[in-house]
Amino acid sequence: MVTYHSLIPIEKTYYQQLKKYENELINAGLNKAHGLRYAYAQQRYQDLTGRSCAARGGLLKHEMTEDQLRLDKMALQVISIELGHERLELVATYCGK
């Protein structure tokens, strides 16, 4: 069994790590990088399901068939793990509901 851990070092709070990340982005000449997470999540959803997510004009949950709902949940779980937070509600925000 694979165990996933937080990307935040144990000695730092979420806020401390976020500020470090933001400062590193600024130093690299990047800003608004959180949009990259949205773009990644949305593209990955398309790769995993073969269709656009709701945030890109795809089906809303109440419009999906049972098979589509199962595939949707699987895709959100995979993306959540890949993004390092294992919180489906956050990935659902990136991809639409």
N, C-alpha and C. Protein backbone atom coordinates (compact mmCIF):
# COMPACT_ATOMS: atom_id res chain seq x y z
N MET A 1 0.85 -1.18 0.00
CA MET A 1 0.00 0.00 0.00
C MET A 1 0.88 1.24 0.00
N VAL A 2 0.54 2.18 -0.84
CA VAL A 2 1.29 3.43 -0.93
C VAL A 2 0.72 4.42 0.08
N THR A 3 1.60 5.08 0.80
CA THR A 3 1.19 6.09 1.76
C THR A 3 1.59 7.45 1.22
N TYR A 4 0.69 8.39 1.27
CA TYR A 4 0.96 9.75 0.81
C TYR A 4 1.08 10.66 2.01
N HIS A 5 1.98 11.61 1.90
CA HIS A 5 2.22 12.55 2.98
C HIS A 5 2.06 13.97 2.48
N SER A 6 1.94 14.88 3.38
CA SER A 6 1.81 16.29 3.04
C SER A 6 3.10 16.81 2.41
N LEU A 7 2.97 17.77 1.52
CA LEU A 7 4.13 18.44 0.94
C LEU A 7 4.65 19.53 1.87
N ILE A 8 3.95 19.78 2.94
CA ILE A 8 4.36 20.80 3.91
C ILE A 8 5.26 20.15 4.95
N PRO A 9 6.47 20.67 5.12
CA PRO A 9 7.36 20.10 6.14
C PRO A 9 6.70 20.14 7.52
N ILE A 10 6.97 19.16 8.31
CA ILE A 10 6.32 19.02 9.61
C ILE A 10 6.58 20.22 10.52
N GLU A 11 7.72 20.88 10.34
CA GLU A 11 8.06 22.01 11.22
C GLU A 11 7.43 23.33 10.76
N LYS A 12 6.69 23.32 9.64
CA LYS A 12 6.08 24.55 9.14
C LYS A 12 4.55 24.45 9.17
N THR A 13 3.92 25.59 9.33
CA THR A 13 2.47 25.66 9.20
C THR A 13 2.13 25.80 7.72
N TYR A 14 0.87 25.58 7.41
CA TYR A 14 0.42 25.77 6.03
C TYR A 14 0.74 27.19 5.56
N TYR A 15 0.44 28.17 6.39
CA TYR A 15 0.67 29.56 6.02
C TYR A 15 2.15 29.84 5.78
N GLN A 16 3.03 29.33 6.62
CA GLN A 16 4.47 29.53 6.43
C GLN A 16 4.94 28.92 5.10
N GLN A 17 4.47 27.73 4.80
CA GLN A 17 4.87 27.08 3.56
C GLN A 17 4.29 27.81 2.36
N LEU A 18 3.07 28.28 2.47
CA LEU A 18 2.45 29.03 1.38
C LEU A 18 3.26 30.29 1.08
N LYS A 19 3.66 31.01 2.12
CA LYS A 19 4.45 32.23 1.92
C LYS A 19 5.80 31.92 1.28
N LYS A 20 6.42 30.82 1.70
CA LYS A 20 7.70 30.40 1.11
C LYS A 20 7.50 30.12 -0.38
N TYR A 21 6.45 29.39 -0.71
CA TYR A 21 6.12 29.07 -2.10
C TYR A 21 5.88 30.34 -2.91
N GLU A 22 5.08 31.25 -2.37
CA GLU A 22 4.79 32.50 -3.08
C GLU A 22 6.06 33.31 -3.30
N ASN A 23 6.93 33.38 -2.30
CA ASN A 23 8.18 34.12 -2.44
C ASN A 23 9.09 33.49 -3.49
N GLU A 24 9.14 32.17 -3.53
CA GLU A 24 9.94 31.48 -4.54
C GLU A 24 9.41 31.78 -5.94
N LEU A 25 8.10 31.82 -6.09
CA LEU A 25 7.51 32.15 -7.39
C LEU A 25 7.86 33.57 -7.82
N ILE A 26 7.76 34.50 -6.88
CA ILE A 26 8.11 35.89 -7.18
C ILE A 26 9.58 35.98 -7.58
N ASN A 27 10.46 35.29 -6.85
CA ASN A 27 11.89 35.29 -7.17
C ASN A 27 12.16 34.70 -8.55
N ALA A 28 11.30 33.78 -8.98
CA ALA A 28 11.45 33.16 -10.30
C ALA A 28 10.75 33.97 -11.39
N GLY A 29 10.12 35.09 -11.00
CA GLY A 29 9.44 35.94 -11.98
C GLY A 29 8.04 35.48 -12.33
N LEU A 30 7.45 34.66 -11.48
CA LEU A 30 6.10 34.16 -11.72
C LEU A 30 5.15 34.75 -10.69
N ASN A 31 3.91 34.94 -11.07
CA ASN A 31 2.87 35.31 -10.11
C ASN A 31 1.57 34.67 -10.56
N LYS A 32 0.59 34.71 -9.71
CA LYS A 32 -0.71 34.08 -10.00
C LYS A 32 -0.55 32.60 -10.34
N ALA A 33 0.41 31.93 -9.72
CA ALA A 33 0.71 30.54 -10.05
C ALA A 33 -0.37 29.57 -9.60
N HIS A 34 -1.25 29.99 -8.68
CA HIS A 34 -2.28 29.05 -8.26
C HIS A 34 -3.17 28.68 -9.45
N GLY A 35 -3.25 29.56 -10.41
CA GLY A 35 -3.99 29.25 -11.63
C GLY A 35 -3.41 28.06 -12.36
N LEU A 36 -2.11 27.81 -12.18
CA LEU A 36 -1.49 26.64 -12.78
C LEU A 36 -2.07 25.36 -12.20
N ARG A 37 -2.41 25.37 -10.91
CA ARG A 37 -3.03 24.20 -10.28
C ARG A 37 -4.41 23.95 -10.89
N TYR A 38 -5.17 25.02 -11.09
CA TYR A 38 -6.48 24.88 -11.72
C TYR A 38 -6.33 24.28 -13.11
N ALA A 39 -5.41 24.85 -13.89
CA ALA A 39 -5.21 24.37 -15.27
C ALA A 39 -4.78 22.91 -15.28
N TYR A 40 -3.87 22.55 -14.38
CA TYR A 40 -3.41 21.17 -14.30
C TYR A 40 -4.58 20.25 -13.95
N ALA A 41 -5.33 20.60 -12.92
CA ALA A 41 -6.45 19.76 -12.48
C ALA A 41 -7.47 19.59 -13.60
N GLN A 42 -7.77 20.66 -14.30
CA GLN A 42 -8.78 20.59 -15.37
C GLN A 42 -8.29 19.75 -16.55
N GLN A 43 -7.02 19.91 -16.92
CA GLN A 43 -6.47 19.10 -18.02
C GLN A 43 -6.37 17.63 -17.62
N ARG A 44 -5.96 17.40 -16.40
CA ARG A 44 -5.83 16.02 -15.92
C ARG A 44 -7.19 15.33 -15.86
N TYR A 45 -8.23 16.08 -15.47
CA TYR A 45 -9.59 15.55 -15.46
C TYR A 45 -9.97 15.08 -16.87
N GLN A 46 -9.66 15.91 -17.86
CA GLN A 46 -9.97 15.54 -19.25
C GLN A 46 -9.18 14.30 -19.65
N ASP A 47 -7.91 14.23 -19.26
CA ASP A 47 -7.09 13.06 -19.59
C ASP A 47 -7.67 11.78 -18.98
N LEU A 48 -8.14 11.87 -17.74
CA LEU A 48 -8.63 10.69 -17.03
C LEU A 48 -10.03 10.27 -17.44
N THR A 49 -10.88 11.24 -17.80
CA THR A 49 -12.28 10.91 -18.09
C THR A 49 -12.62 10.95 -19.58
N GLY A 50 -11.79 11.62 -20.36
CA GLY A 50 -12.09 11.76 -21.78
C GLY A 50 -13.08 12.86 -22.08
N ARG A 51 -13.39 13.68 -21.10
CA ARG A 51 -14.33 14.79 -21.32
C ARG A 51 -13.95 15.98 -20.45
N SER A 52 -14.47 17.13 -20.81
CA SER A 52 -14.20 18.36 -20.06
C SER A 52 -14.87 18.32 -18.71
N CYS A 53 -14.23 18.96 -17.75
CA CYS A 53 -14.85 19.08 -16.42
C CYS A 53 -15.91 20.19 -16.47
N ALA A 54 -16.71 20.25 -15.43
CA ALA A 54 -17.79 21.25 -15.37
C ALA A 54 -17.26 22.68 -15.47
N ALA A 55 -16.08 22.94 -14.90
CA ALA A 55 -15.51 24.28 -14.95
C ALA A 55 -15.15 24.70 -16.36
N ARG A 56 -15.01 23.74 -17.26
CA ARG A 56 -14.71 24.03 -18.67
C ARG A 56 -15.91 23.72 -19.56
N GLY A 57 -17.09 23.73 -18.98
CA GLY A 57 -18.30 23.53 -19.78
C GLY A 57 -18.81 22.11 -19.86
N GLY A 58 -18.19 21.20 -19.10
CA GLY A 58 -18.64 19.81 -19.09
C GLY A 58 -19.89 19.62 -18.25
N LEU A 59 -20.26 18.37 -18.08
CA LEU A 59 -21.48 18.04 -17.35
C LEU A 59 -21.36 18.36 -15.86
N LEU A 60 -22.46 18.81 -15.29
CA LEU A 60 -22.56 18.96 -13.84
C LEU A 60 -22.91 17.60 -13.26
N LYS A 61 -22.67 17.41 -11.98
CA LYS A 61 -22.91 16.10 -11.36
C LYS A 61 -24.34 15.61 -11.57
N HIS A 62 -25.31 16.49 -11.44
CA HIS A 62 -26.71 16.05 -11.58
C HIS A 62 -27.06 15.68 -13.01
N GLU A 63 -26.18 15.97 -13.96
CA GLU A 63 -26.40 15.62 -15.36
C GLU A 63 -25.70 14.32 -15.76
N MET A 64 -24.86 13.78 -14.87
CA MET A 64 -24.06 12.60 -15.19
C MET A 64 -24.83 11.30 -14.96
N THR A 65 -24.47 10.30 -15.76
CA THR A 65 -24.99 8.94 -15.55
C THR A 65 -24.23 8.33 -14.37
N GLU A 66 -24.68 7.18 -13.91
CA GLU A 66 -24.00 6.49 -12.81
C GLU A 66 -22.55 6.17 -13.17
N ASP A 67 -22.32 5.69 -14.40
CA ASP A 67 -20.95 5.39 -14.84
C ASP A 67 -20.10 6.65 -14.88
N GLN A 68 -20.66 7.75 -15.36
CA GLN A 68 -19.93 9.01 -15.40
C GLN A 68 -19.61 9.51 -13.99
N LEU A 69 -20.54 9.33 -13.06
CA LEU A 69 -20.29 9.73 -11.68
C LEU A 69 -19.16 8.92 -11.05
N ARG A 70 -19.12 7.62 -11.33
CA ARG A 70 -18.04 6.79 -10.80
C ARG A 70 -16.69 7.23 -11.37
N LEU A 71 -16.65 7.49 -12.67
CA LEU A 71 -15.42 7.94 -13.32
C LEU A 71 -15.01 9.33 -12.80
N ASP A 72 -16.00 10.19 -12.57
CA ASP A 72 -15.75 11.52 -12.02
C ASP A 72 -15.09 11.41 -10.65
N LYS A 73 -15.64 10.57 -9.78
CA LYS A 73 -15.09 10.40 -8.43
C LYS A 73 -13.68 9.85 -8.48
N MET A 74 -13.44 8.86 -9.34
CA MET A 74 -12.11 8.29 -9.48
C MET A 74 -11.12 9.35 -9.94
N ALA A 75 -11.51 10.14 -10.93
CA ALA A 75 -10.63 11.18 -11.46
C ALA A 75 -10.30 12.21 -10.38
N LEU A 76 -11.30 12.64 -9.63
CA LEU A 76 -11.07 13.62 -8.56
C LEU A 76 -10.15 13.05 -7.49
N GLN A 77 -10.27 11.77 -7.18
CA GLN A 77 -9.40 11.15 -6.19
C GLN A 77 -7.95 11.12 -6.68
N VAL A 78 -7.75 10.74 -7.93
CA VAL A 78 -6.40 10.70 -8.51
C VAL A 78 -5.79 12.10 -8.51
N ILE A 79 -6.54 13.09 -8.97
CA ILE A 79 -6.03 14.46 -9.05
C ILE A 79 -5.72 14.99 -7.66
N SER A 80 -6.57 14.68 -6.72
CA SER A 80 -6.36 15.13 -5.35
C SER A 80 -5.03 14.62 -4.80
N ILE A 81 -4.76 13.35 -5.02
CA ILE A 81 -3.50 12.76 -4.57
C ILE A 81 -2.33 13.40 -5.31
N GLU A 82 -2.46 13.58 -6.60
CA GLU A 82 -1.39 14.17 -7.39
C GLU A 82 -1.08 15.60 -6.94
N LEU A 83 -2.10 16.34 -6.53
CA LEU A 83 -1.89 17.72 -6.08
C LEU A 83 -1.41 17.78 -4.64
N GLY A 84 -1.44 16.66 -3.94
CA GLY A 84 -0.84 16.58 -2.63
C GLY A 84 -1.72 16.97 -1.47
N HIS A 85 -3.04 17.04 -1.66
CA HIS A 85 -3.84 17.36 -0.49
C HIS A 85 -4.94 16.38 -0.17
N GLU A 86 -5.22 15.46 -1.05
CA GLU A 86 -6.20 14.40 -0.77
C GLU A 86 -7.52 14.92 -0.23
N ARG A 87 -7.96 16.07 -0.73
CA ARG A 87 -9.25 16.63 -0.32
C ARG A 87 -10.10 16.80 -1.57
N LEU A 88 -11.07 15.91 -1.73
CA LEU A 88 -11.89 15.93 -2.93
C LEU A 88 -12.65 17.24 -3.11
N GLU A 89 -13.08 17.85 -2.00
CA GLU A 89 -13.86 19.08 -2.13
C GLU A 89 -13.03 20.21 -2.74
N LEU A 90 -11.71 20.22 -2.50
CA LEU A 90 -10.87 21.24 -3.09
C LEU A 90 -10.68 20.99 -4.58
N VAL A 91 -10.45 19.76 -4.96
CA VAL A 91 -10.30 19.43 -6.38
C VAL A 91 -11.61 19.68 -7.11
N ALA A 92 -12.72 19.42 -6.45
CA ALA A 92 -14.02 19.68 -7.07
C ALA A 92 -14.17 21.19 -7.35
N THR A 93 -13.58 22.02 -6.53
CA THR A 93 -13.60 23.46 -6.78
C THR A 93 -12.80 23.79 -8.03
N TYR A 94 -11.65 23.14 -8.21
CA TYR A 94 -10.83 23.37 -9.41
C TYR A 94 -11.55 22.93 -10.67
N CYS A 95 -12.25 21.80 -10.59
CA CYS A 95 -12.84 21.19 -11.78
C CYS A 95 -14.31 21.54 -11.98
N GLY A 96 -14.95 22.13 -11.00
CA GLY A 96 -16.36 22.45 -11.11
C GLY A 96 -17.19 21.36 -10.46
N LYS A 97 -18.43 21.67 -10.16
CA LYS A 97 -19.27 20.72 -9.43
C LYS A 97 -20.44 20.28 -10.24
